């Protein structure tokens, strides 16, 4: 980067002033000669090796003092893309830049590798150079019949463009336009041979970026890097490049986390990991045993915060600390046959057989909702438990639905009053088949009334 303080009466001013005065006084002759050159350029010719135009440096950083004395210089180089020098006769380059940030003052040939007859910003048919400070300007370099050589990279210095800084900018680009108006073009012409006309052999054109830091506040420059403390992103560490890789406002030279835009020091969690405590328990997330919960709460003192303990009922109290019956045994170690999170001893439940076990945990063979111990038909579904004759057997599994076994006379009692009718059925069963008397007399429940039913009948008569 070249940075120069512009002073009145400098050699640059003198050169620029003399150049413009000479060309203005000879304007008719100049325009005629330029027209002749343009006519030659338009002729057809065979292809030649390309010449690239390179602006250097590709990036420039400058501290702007807020006034009109900060100068930025951009050098222009011509270089061939071949291994040997390439001949050329002239260069035309249409510069394009932001006039709100930079003002083109002109060019300085000092140090140039060439002695051009034409070298500067001259009047042109399209009026591009009516004002070279408006953001667009046509630069011309060459000579009448002169030839020049462009060496391979890094090439030969053509000239140095000089800009005055007008305002701060994070990144403004000095670019070029391929063409402008009717005649204006960015091009490089080769050296014609054998009667051939000159040919445009322009290759690539690079651009230059300028970053202008506002240092108008001035003040001391503690680290002597050219940037006052007021605009220095590392005021105690010299860093003339002001590089800030993560864009956090702290230059890499003083940023211990140069790739972390949220931190300039590793802190507890290190670069790339924020030092935050989202659950506000006083423990940073990166070392928090139980993120999202207060690590200081540990009801059973097992070093595991309550928030990370098992909590089956999700009531906020760890299972290890719940004891609904206050018997000293945590609820999660108590019997919980239905696995609903509440110990059997601490919940209300149906217990038809009164064995302290919830019915829903007992066997129910026929799945009718009544456990086997309380089901009057354990093998046959009968959720209504209907028992018309009140004999303890549900109707769906009772061979004698309307009368209990032995109650042959149907008075709802099995006693001596049933003996006479029982004997009659046994002696002449064929007279009673299909009747309530018949099924009541079938005391062994084999669907046949015979002498085998006498003993079961007598047993039913026992007090």
Protein backbone atom coordinates (compact mmCIF):
# COMPACT_ATOMS: atom_id res chain seq x y z
CA UNK A 1 0.00 0.00 0.00
CA UNK A 2 1.23 3.47 -0.85
CA UNK A 3 -0.17 6.34 1.16
CA UNK A 4 0.93 9.86 0.43
CA UNK A 5 -0.06 13.20 1.96
CA UNK A 6 -1.12 15.56 -0.79
CA UNK A 7 0.53 18.94 -0.53
CA UNK A 8 0.12 21.94 -2.69
CA UNK A 9 2.82 22.34 -5.32
CA UNK A 10 4.10 18.74 -5.29
CA UNK A 11 5.79 17.11 -8.29
CA UNK A 12 2.62 15.13 -8.92
CA UNK A 13 0.54 18.30 -9.27
CA UNK A 14 3.13 19.80 -11.56
CA UNK A 15 3.30 16.75 -13.83
CA UNK A 16 -0.47 16.43 -14.04
CA UNK A 17 -0.92 20.12 -14.70
CA UNK A 18 1.75 20.29 -17.44
CA UNK A 19 0.42 17.17 -19.12
CA UNK A 20 -3.13 18.47 -19.32
CA UNK A 21 -2.03 21.92 -20.51
CA UNK A 22 0.10 20.49 -23.31
CA UNK A 23 -2.72 18.27 -24.57
CA UNK A 24 -5.34 20.95 -24.33
CA UNK A 25 -3.19 23.33 -26.41
CA UNK A 26 -2.72 20.65 -29.09
CA UNK A 27 -6.22 19.16 -28.92
CA UNK A 28 -7.03 19.18 -32.67
CA UNK A 29 -3.78 17.38 -33.54
CA UNK A 30 -4.28 14.92 -30.67
CA UNK A 31 -7.81 13.97 -31.72
CA UNK A 32 -6.68 13.44 -35.31
CA UNK A 33 -3.84 11.17 -34.24
CA UNK A 34 -6.09 9.20 -31.90
CA UNK A 35 -8.58 8.70 -34.73
CA UNK A 36 -5.82 7.33 -36.94
CA UNK A 37 -4.74 4.92 -34.21
CA UNK A 38 -8.34 3.78 -33.68
CA UNK A 39 -8.70 3.05 -37.40
CA UNK A 40 -5.66 0.81 -37.32
CA UNK A 41 -7.00 -1.01 -34.23
CA UNK A 42 -10.22 -1.94 -36.03
CA UNK A 43 -8.42 -3.88 -38.79
CA UNK A 44 -8.47 -7.69 -38.77
CA UNK A 45 -5.35 -9.55 -37.64
CA UNK A 46 -4.20 -12.97 -36.57
CA UNK A 47 -4.38 -14.04 -32.92
CA UNK A 48 -1.45 -13.38 -30.65
CA UNK A 49 -0.58 -14.17 -27.02
CA UNK A 50 -2.64 -12.28 -24.41
CA UNK A 51 -1.46 -9.46 -22.17
CA UNK A 52 -3.07 -9.16 -18.74
CA UNK A 53 -3.51 -5.89 -16.88
CA UNK A 54 -3.02 -6.24 -13.14
CA UNK A 55 -3.85 -3.66 -10.47
CA UNK A 56 -1.65 -3.82 -7.40
CA UNK A 57 -1.90 -4.18 -4.50
CA UNK A 58 -5.11 -6.27 -4.74
CA UNK A 59 -6.09 -4.97 -1.30
CA UNK A 60 -5.23 -1.67 0.30
CA UNK A 61 -5.93 -0.56 3.86
CA UNK A 62 -5.73 3.12 4.69
CA UNK A 63 -6.38 5.28 7.76
CA UNK A 64 -8.42 8.31 6.70
CA UNK A 65 -7.91 11.41 8.80
CA UNK A 66 -11.22 12.90 7.76
CA UNK A 67 -9.64 15.55 5.56
CA UNK A 68 -8.50 15.80 1.95
CA UNK A 69 -4.87 14.80 2.41
CA UNK A 70 -5.09 10.99 2.39
CA UNK A 71 -3.91 9.53 -0.92
CA UNK A 72 -4.25 5.95 -2.18
CA UNK A 73 -2.04 4.72 -5.01
CA UNK A 74 -2.89 1.77 -7.24
CA UNK A 75 -0.19 0.51 -9.59
CA UNK A 76 -0.99 -0.92 -13.03
CA UNK A 77 1.15 -3.71 -14.48
CA UNK A 78 1.21 -5.26 -17.97
CA UNK A 79 2.19 -8.94 -18.08
CA UNK A 80 2.02 -11.57 -20.78
CA UNK A 81 0.54 -14.99 -20.21
CA UNK A 82 3.47 -16.51 -22.14
CA UNK A 83 6.98 -17.42 -20.98
CA UNK A 84 8.58 -14.83 -23.28
CA UNK A 85 7.96 -11.09 -23.51
CA UNK A 86 5.04 -9.99 -25.66
CA UNK A 87 5.12 -6.88 -27.83
CA UNK A 88 2.37 -4.25 -27.61
CA UNK A 89 1.81 -0.75 -28.96
CA UNK A 90 -0.81 0.78 -26.66
CA UNK A 91 -3.08 0.28 -23.64
CA UNK A 92 -6.54 1.71 -23.05
CA UNK A 93 -8.19 1.10 -19.67
CA UNK A 94 -11.57 2.45 -18.55
CA UNK A 95 -11.31 2.80 -14.78
CA UNK A 96 -14.48 2.42 -12.70
CA UNK A 97 -14.65 3.40 -9.01
CA UNK A 98 -16.99 4.84 -6.37
CA UNK A 99 -16.72 8.66 -6.47
CA UNK A 100 -18.35 8.90 -3.05
CA UNK A 101 -15.32 7.20 -1.51
CA UNK A 102 -12.44 8.04 -3.87
CA UNK A 103 -11.58 10.87 -6.23
CA UNK A 104 -9.21 10.10 -9.12
CA UNK A 105 -6.51 12.78 -9.25
CA UNK A 106 -4.55 11.39 -12.18
CA UNK A 107 -1.58 9.09 -12.74
CA UNK A 108 2.12 9.20 -11.90
CA UNK A 109 4.56 7.54 -14.37
CA UNK A 110 7.42 7.63 -11.89
CA UNK A 111 9.10 4.22 -11.82
CA UNK A 112 7.29 3.04 -14.95
CA UNK A 113 9.04 0.40 -17.05
CA UNK A 114 7.97 2.26 -20.17
CA UNK A 115 8.51 5.63 -21.82
CA UNK A 116 5.16 6.29 -23.42
CA UNK A 117 4.49 9.29 -25.63
CA UNK A 118 0.83 9.10 -24.65
CA UNK A 119 0.40 8.55 -20.92
CA UNK A 120 -2.62 9.88 -19.05
CA UNK A 121 -6.29 10.81 -19.22
CA UNK A 122 -6.92 12.68 -22.47
CA UNK A 123 -10.02 14.14 -24.13
CA UNK A 124 -11.95 11.41 -25.94
CA UNK A 125 -14.80 11.29 -28.50
CA UNK A 126 -17.23 9.80 -25.96
CA UNK A 127 -16.55 12.44 -23.31
CA UNK A 128 -15.51 9.83 -20.73
CA UNK A 129 -12.75 12.11 -19.49
CA UNK A 130 -14.84 15.27 -19.33
CA UNK A 131 -14.39 14.74 -15.59
CA UNK A 132 -12.11 11.97 -14.36
CA UNK A 133 -13.40 12.42 -10.79
CA UNK A 134 -16.96 11.23 -11.51
CA UNK A 135 -16.21 7.51 -11.13
CA UNK A 136 -15.25 6.67 -14.74
CA UNK A 137 -12.04 7.62 -16.56
CA UNK A 138 -10.25 6.42 -19.73
CA UNK A 139 -6.50 5.92 -19.29
CA UNK A 140 -4.35 5.77 -22.47
CA UNK A 141 -0.72 4.72 -22.77
CA UNK A 142 1.32 4.22 -25.96
CA UNK A 143 3.04 6.09 -28.76
CA UNK A 144 2.96 6.84 -32.41
CA UNK A 145 4.70 3.86 -33.94
CA UNK A 146 6.36 2.91 -30.65
CA UNK A 147 6.52 -0.69 -29.46
CA UNK A 148 6.84 -2.01 -25.94
CA UNK A 149 7.31 -5.38 -24.24
CA UNK A 150 5.21 -6.95 -21.52
CA UNK A 151 7.22 -9.53 -19.59
CA UNK A 152 5.70 -12.56 -17.81
CA UNK A 153 4.37 -12.08 -14.27
CA UNK A 154 4.89 -9.97 -12.26
CA UNK A 155 5.03 -7.89 -15.46
CA UNK A 156 6.17 -4.35 -16.04
CA UNK A 157 4.90 -1.28 -14.19
CA UNK A 158 2.80 0.84 -16.55
CA UNK A 159 1.78 3.70 -14.23
CA UNK A 160 0.41 4.52 -10.79
CA UNK A 161 -3.14 5.81 -10.36
CA UNK A 162 -3.61 8.30 -7.55
CA UNK A 163 -6.85 8.72 -5.62
CA UNK A 164 -7.84 11.09 -2.85
CA UNK A 165 -9.91 9.54 -0.06
CA UNK A 166 -13.29 11.23 0.48
CA UNK A 167 -14.98 8.92 3.00
CA UNK A 168 -14.61 5.73 5.00
CA UNK A 169 -15.59 2.40 3.45
CA UNK A 170 -15.38 -1.24 4.56
CA UNK A 171 -14.50 -2.20 0.98
CA UNK A 172 -14.63 -0.15 -2.22
CA UNK A 173 -13.37 -1.58 -5.51
CA UNK A 174 -11.29 0.06 -8.21
CA UNK A 175 -12.59 -1.86 -11.22
CA UNK A 176 -12.77 -1.43 -14.97
CA UNK A 177 -15.42 -1.26 -17.70
CA UNK A 178 -15.04 -3.38 -20.88
CA UNK A 179 -16.48 -0.51 -22.88
CA UNK A 180 -18.20 2.86 -22.61
CA UNK A 181 -19.84 4.96 -25.28
CA UNK A 182 -19.18 4.38 -28.98
CA UNK A 183 -15.40 4.24 -29.07
CA UNK A 184 -14.29 3.71 -25.50
CA UNK A 185 -12.93 0.23 -24.78
CA UNK A 186 -10.53 -1.48 -22.41
CA UNK A 187 -7.95 -3.10 -24.68
CA UNK A 188 -4.27 -3.79 -25.41
CA UNK A 189 -2.97 -3.74 -29.00
CA UNK A 190 -0.16 -5.95 -30.23
CA UNK A 191 2.68 -5.05 -32.53
CA UNK A 192 1.55 -5.68 -36.12
CA UNK A 193 3.94 -7.39 -38.52
CA UNK A 194 4.05 -8.15 -42.21
CA UNK A 195 1.63 -5.39 -43.07
CA UNK A 196 -1.04 -6.71 -40.73
CA UNK A 197 -3.18 -4.36 -38.65
CA UNK A 198 -2.87 -4.15 -34.87
CA UNK A 199 -4.99 -6.60 -32.87
CA UNK A 200 -6.54 -6.41 -29.40
CA UNK A 201 -4.75 -9.00 -27.26
CA UNK A 202 -6.22 -8.04 -23.89
CA UNK A 203 -6.34 -10.99 -21.50
CA UNK A 204 -7.59 -10.63 -17.97
CA UNK A 205 -7.94 -7.42 -15.94
CA UNK A 206 -7.66 -7.64 -12.18
CA UNK A 207 -9.23 -5.19 -9.75
CA UNK A 208 -8.13 -3.61 -6.49
CA UNK A 209 -10.08 -3.33 -3.24
CA UNK A 210 -9.60 -0.39 -0.92
CA UNK A 211 -10.67 -0.44 2.72
CA UNK A 212 -10.83 2.98 4.32
CA UNK A 213 -10.98 3.20 8.11
CA UNK A 214 -12.37 6.39 9.62
CA UNK A 215 -9.66 7.75 11.89
CA UNK A 216 -10.93 11.31 11.90
CA UNK A 217 -11.09 11.28 15.71
CA UNK A 218 -7.31 11.21 15.74
CA UNK A 219 -5.47 10.91 19.04
CA UNK A 220 -2.40 8.93 20.09
CA UNK A 221 -1.20 5.79 18.33
CA UNK A 222 0.02 3.64 21.23
CA UNK A 223 1.26 0.73 19.14
CA UNK A 224 2.67 2.93 16.34
CA UNK A 225 1.01 0.95 13.57
CA UNK A 226 -0.33 3.95 11.68
CA UNK A 227 -3.81 3.73 13.19
CA UNK A 228 -4.69 6.00 16.13
CA UNK A 229 -6.11 4.23 19.16
CA UNK A 230 -9.50 5.75 18.35
CA UNK A 231 -9.80 3.62 15.17
CA UNK A 232 -7.33 0.81 15.88
CA UNK A 233 -8.95 -2.62 16.39
CA UNK A 234 -5.89 -3.57 18.48
CA UNK A 235 -4.68 -0.35 20.07
CA UNK A 236 -2.00 -2.06 22.19
CA UNK A 237 -0.80 -4.55 19.54
CA UNK A 238 0.78 -3.32 16.34
CA UNK A 239 -1.27 -4.58 13.39
CA UNK A 240 -0.96 -2.32 10.36
CA UNK A 241 -3.07 -4.79 8.38
CA UNK A 242 -6.01 -4.46 10.86
CA UNK A 243 -7.03 -8.03 10.01
CA UNK A 244 -10.19 -9.14 11.85
CA UNK A 245 -10.94 -12.64 10.60
CA UNK A 246 -14.14 -13.17 12.59
CA UNK A 247 -15.45 -9.63 12.19
CA UNK A 248 -16.01 -9.04 15.90
CA UNK A 249 -14.24 -5.68 15.98
CA UNK A 250 -11.12 -7.07 17.67
CA UNK A 251 -8.13 -7.51 15.37
CA UNK A 252 -6.59 -10.95 15.12
CA UNK A 253 -3.42 -9.58 16.72
CA UNK A 254 -5.24 -9.14 20.03
CA UNK A 255 -8.07 -11.65 19.64
CA UNK A 256 -7.41 -14.92 21.48
CA UNK A 257 -10.38 -16.42 19.64
CA UNK A 258 -9.76 -15.13 16.09
CA UNK A 259 -12.29 -17.52 14.55
CA UNK A 260 -15.08 -16.90 17.11
CA UNK A 261 -17.06 -13.71 16.46
CA UNK A 262 -18.64 -13.91 19.93
CA UNK A 263 -15.48 -14.16 22.03
CA UNK A 264 -12.06 -12.57 22.24
CA UNK A 265 -10.85 -14.84 25.06
CA UNK A 266 -11.38 -18.61 25.57
CA UNK A 267 -13.03 -18.14 28.96
CA UNK A 268 -14.18 -21.32 30.72
CA UNK A 269 -15.69 -23.08 27.72
CA UNK A 270 -13.04 -22.26 25.13
CA UNK A 271 -13.24 -20.62 21.72
CA UNK A 272 -16.29 -21.55 19.69
CA UNK A 273 -18.36 -22.41 22.78
CA UNK A 274 -20.28 -19.60 24.51
CA UNK A 275 -19.81 -19.05 28.24
CA UNK A 276 -23.52 -18.99 29.04
CA UNK A 277 -25.69 -20.32 31.86
CA UNK A 278 -29.09 -20.89 30.27
CA UNK A 279 -30.67 -22.40 33.40
CA UNK A 280 -29.26 -19.67 35.69
CA UNK A 281 -27.98 -22.16 38.24
CA UNK A 282 -24.54 -20.59 38.46
CA UNK A 283 -22.95 -23.35 36.35
CA UNK A 284 -21.98 -22.67 32.73
CA UNK A 285 -23.65 -24.91 30.16
CA UNK A 286 -20.34 -26.36 28.95
CA UNK A 287 -19.64 -27.86 32.41
CA UNK A 288 -23.24 -28.22 33.57
CA UNK A 289 -24.02 -31.77 34.73
CA UNK A 290 -27.71 -31.17 34.19
CA UNK A 291 -28.39 -28.42 31.60
CA UNK A 292 -31.79 -26.83 31.98
CA UNK A 293 -32.06 -27.63 35.70
CA UNK A 294 -30.60 -26.30 38.93
CA UNK A 295 -27.50 -28.39 39.65
CA UNK A 296 -27.66 -27.33 43.29
CA UNK A 297 -30.83 -29.38 43.96
CA UNK A 298 -29.99 -32.96 44.97
CA UNK A 299 -32.66 -34.38 47.31
CA UNK A 300 -30.99 -37.76 47.79
CA UNK A 301 -27.43 -36.42 47.91
CA UNK A 302 -26.23 -38.85 45.24
CA UNK A 303 -24.31 -36.07 43.35
CA UNK A 304 -26.84 -36.29 40.51
CA UNK A 305 -28.95 -33.12 40.27
CA UNK A 306 -32.67 -33.71 40.77
CA UNK A 307 -33.39 -32.51 37.24
CA UNK A 308 -31.46 -35.44 35.77
CA UNK A 309 -32.94 -38.12 38.04
CA UNK A 310 -35.77 -40.42 36.98
CA UNK A 311 -39.17 -38.83 37.56
CA UNK A 312 -41.82 -41.25 36.30
CA UNK A 313 -44.81 -39.10 37.21
CA UNK A 314 -43.06 -35.94 36.01
CA UNK A 315 -44.10 -34.02 39.12
CA UNK A 316 -40.69 -32.41 39.57
CA UNK A 317 -39.59 -34.67 42.44
CA UNK A 318 -37.18 -37.51 41.60
CA UNK A 319 -38.52 -41.00 42.14
CA UNK A 320 -35.72 -41.65 44.64
CA UNK A 321 -37.11 -38.89 46.84
CA UNK A 322 -40.83 -39.80 46.71
CA UNK A 323 -42.24 -41.89 49.63
CA UNK A 324 -46.02 -41.60 49.58
CA UNK A 325 -46.58 -43.87 52.58
CA UNK A 326 -43.65 -42.50 54.60
CA UNK A 327 -42.34 -45.99 55.27
CA UNK A 328 -38.74 -45.10 54.43
CA UNK A 329 -38.83 -46.96 51.14
CA UNK A 330 -38.79 -44.77 48.00
CA UNK A 331 -41.92 -45.13 45.90
CA UNK A 332 -39.94 -46.47 42.97
CA UNK A 333 -38.91 -49.44 45.11
CA UNK A 334 -42.45 -50.20 46.30
CA UNK A 335 -44.81 -52.69 44.64
CA UNK A 336 -46.60 -51.08 41.73
CA UNK A 337 -48.35 -53.88 39.90
CA UNK A 338 -50.04 -51.67 37.31
CA UNK A 339 -46.85 -49.68 36.75
CA UNK A 340 -48.62 -46.33 36.92
CA UNK A 341 -45.91 -44.72 39.04
CA UNK A 342 -47.89 -44.86 42.28
CA UNK A 343 -47.21 -47.68 44.73
CA UNK A 344 -50.12 -50.00 45.39
CA UNK A 345 -50.11 -48.97 49.05
CA UNK A 346 -50.76 -45.35 48.08
CA UNK A 347 -53.61 -45.59 45.61
CA UNK A 348 -57.27 -46.59 45.71
CA UNK A 349 -58.13 -49.67 43.68
CA UNK A 350 -60.72 -52.43 43.33
CA UNK A 351 -59.89 -55.50 45.40
CA UNK A 352 -62.85 -57.89 45.24
CA UNK A 353 -61.01 -60.73 47.00
CA UNK A 354 -59.51 -58.37 49.59
CA UNK A 355 -55.96 -59.61 49.18
CA UNK A 356 -54.42 -56.09 48.94
CA UNK A 357 -53.65 -56.60 45.26
CA UNK A 358 -55.46 -54.44 42.70
CA UNK A 359 -57.92 -56.44 40.65
CA UNK A 360 -56.31 -55.18 37.47
CA UNK A 361 -53.20 -57.09 38.50
CA UNK A 362 -55.03 -60.39 39.20
CA UNK A 363 -55.76 -63.21 36.72
CA UNK A 364 -58.85 -62.83 34.56
CA UNK A 365 -58.94 -65.90 32.35
CA UNK A 366 -62.04 -64.99 30.37
CA UNK A 367 -61.05 -61.28 30.19
CA UNK A 368 -64.53 -60.13 31.15
CA UNK A 369 -63.27 -57.57 33.66
CA UNK A 370 -63.96 -59.77 36.70
CA UNK A 371 -60.92 -61.54 38.17
CA UNK A 372 -61.07 -65.31 38.44
CA UNK A 373 -61.28 -65.27 42.25
CA UNK A 374 -64.51 -63.28 42.07
CA UNK A 375 -65.93 -64.49 38.75
CA UNK A 376 -69.03 -66.80 38.96
CA UNK A 377 -67.99 -68.11 35.54
CA UNK A 378 -64.17 -67.75 35.39
CA UNK A 379 -63.89 -69.55 32.04
CA UNK A 380 -66.87 -67.93 30.32
CA UNK A 381 -67.10 -64.18 29.75
CA UNK A 382 -70.02 -62.67 31.69
CA UNK A 383 -69.23 -59.21 32.82
CA UNK A 384 -72.77 -58.81 34.24
CA UNK A 385 -72.25 -61.85 36.57
CA UNK A 386 -75.96 -62.76 36.18
CA UNK A 387 -77.03 -65.63 38.47
CA UNK A 388 -80.82 -66.05 38.33
CA UNK A 389 -81.01 -68.91 40.84
CA UNK A 390 -78.39 -67.43 43.15
CA UNK A 391 -76.50 -70.68 43.28
CA UNK A 392 -73.09 -69.01 42.90
CA UNK A 393 -72.77 -70.02 39.26
CA UNK A 394 -73.29 -67.49 36.56
CA UNK A 395 -76.06 -68.17 34.15
CA UNK A 396 -73.66 -68.61 31.20
CA UNK A 397 -71.95 -71.56 32.85
CA UNK A 398 -74.89 -72.90 34.98
CA UNK A 399 -76.36 -76.24 33.76
CA UNK A 400 -79.57 -75.40 35.64
CA UNK A 401 -80.16 -71.72 35.23
CA UNK A 402 -83.52 -71.38 37.03
CA UNK A 403 -82.91 -73.68 40.00
CA UNK A 404 -79.93 -74.52 42.08
CA UNK A 405 -78.82 -78.14 42.23
CA UNK A 406 -80.98 -80.19 44.60
CA UNK A 407 -83.83 -77.65 44.71
CA UNK A 408 -86.07 -80.00 42.78
CA UNK A 409 -89.32 -78.45 44.01
CA UNK A 410 -88.12 -74.91 43.18
CA UNK A 411 -88.72 -73.31 46.59
CA UNK A 412 -85.16 -71.90 46.55
CA UNK A 413 -84.11 -74.21 49.38
CA UNK A 414 -82.49 -77.64 49.29
CA UNK A 415 -84.04 -79.60 52.14
CA UNK A 416 -86.11 -82.68 52.93
CA UNK A 417 -89.05 -81.15 51.09
CA UNK A 418 -87.19 -81.96 47.86
CA UNK A 419 -86.69 -85.70 48.59
CA UNK A 420 -90.03 -87.03 47.21
CA UNK A 421 -89.76 -85.17 43.92
CA UNK A 422 -86.06 -86.04 43.60
CA UNK A 423 -86.90 -89.75 43.97
CA UNK A 424 -89.64 -89.45 41.35
CA UNK A 425 -87.26 -87.90 38.84
CA UNK A 426 -84.60 -90.55 39.50
CA UNK A 427 -87.08 -93.39 39.08
CA UNK A 428 -88.71 -92.03 35.94
CA UNK A 429 -86.31 -89.48 34.45
CA UNK A 430 -87.83 -89.75 31.00
CA UNK A 431 -90.92 -87.98 32.31
CA UNK A 432 -88.92 -84.91 33.33
CA UNK A 433 -86.29 -84.47 30.57
CA UNK A 434 -85.87 -80.78 29.69
CA UNK A 435 -87.60 -79.53 32.82
CA UNK A 436 -86.27 -77.47 35.71
CA UNK A 437 -86.92 -80.50 37.99
CA UNK A 438 -84.70 -82.66 35.80
CA UNK A 439 -81.71 -80.27 35.78
CA UNK A 440 -82.09 -79.65 39.55
CA UNK A 441 -82.00 -83.41 40.15
CA UNK A 442 -78.82 -83.82 38.05
CA UNK A 443 -76.65 -83.23 41.11
CA UNK A 444 -73.46 -84.64 39.55
CA UNK A 445 -73.99 -82.34 36.55
CA UNK A 446 -73.36 -84.96 33.90
CA UNK A 447 -76.65 -84.13 32.08
CA UNK A 448 -78.11 -87.53 33.05
CA UNK A 449 -80.35 -88.15 36.08
CA UNK A 450 -79.75 -91.57 37.56
CA UNK A 451 -78.72 -93.35 40.78
CA UNK A 452 -75.32 -91.61 40.52
CA UNK A 453 -77.01 -88.35 41.55
CA UNK A 454 -78.21 -89.72 44.95
CA UNK A 455 -74.98 -89.27 46.86
CA UNK A 456 -74.37 -85.64 45.60
CA UNK A 457 -78.03 -84.90 46.45
CA UNK A 458 -77.63 -86.18 49.98
CA UNK A 459 -74.49 -84.07 50.35
CA UNK A 460 -76.49 -80.98 49.48
CA UNK A 461 -78.94 -81.81 52.27
CA UNK A 462 -76.18 -81.69 54.86
CA UNK A 463 -76.50 -78.72 57.21
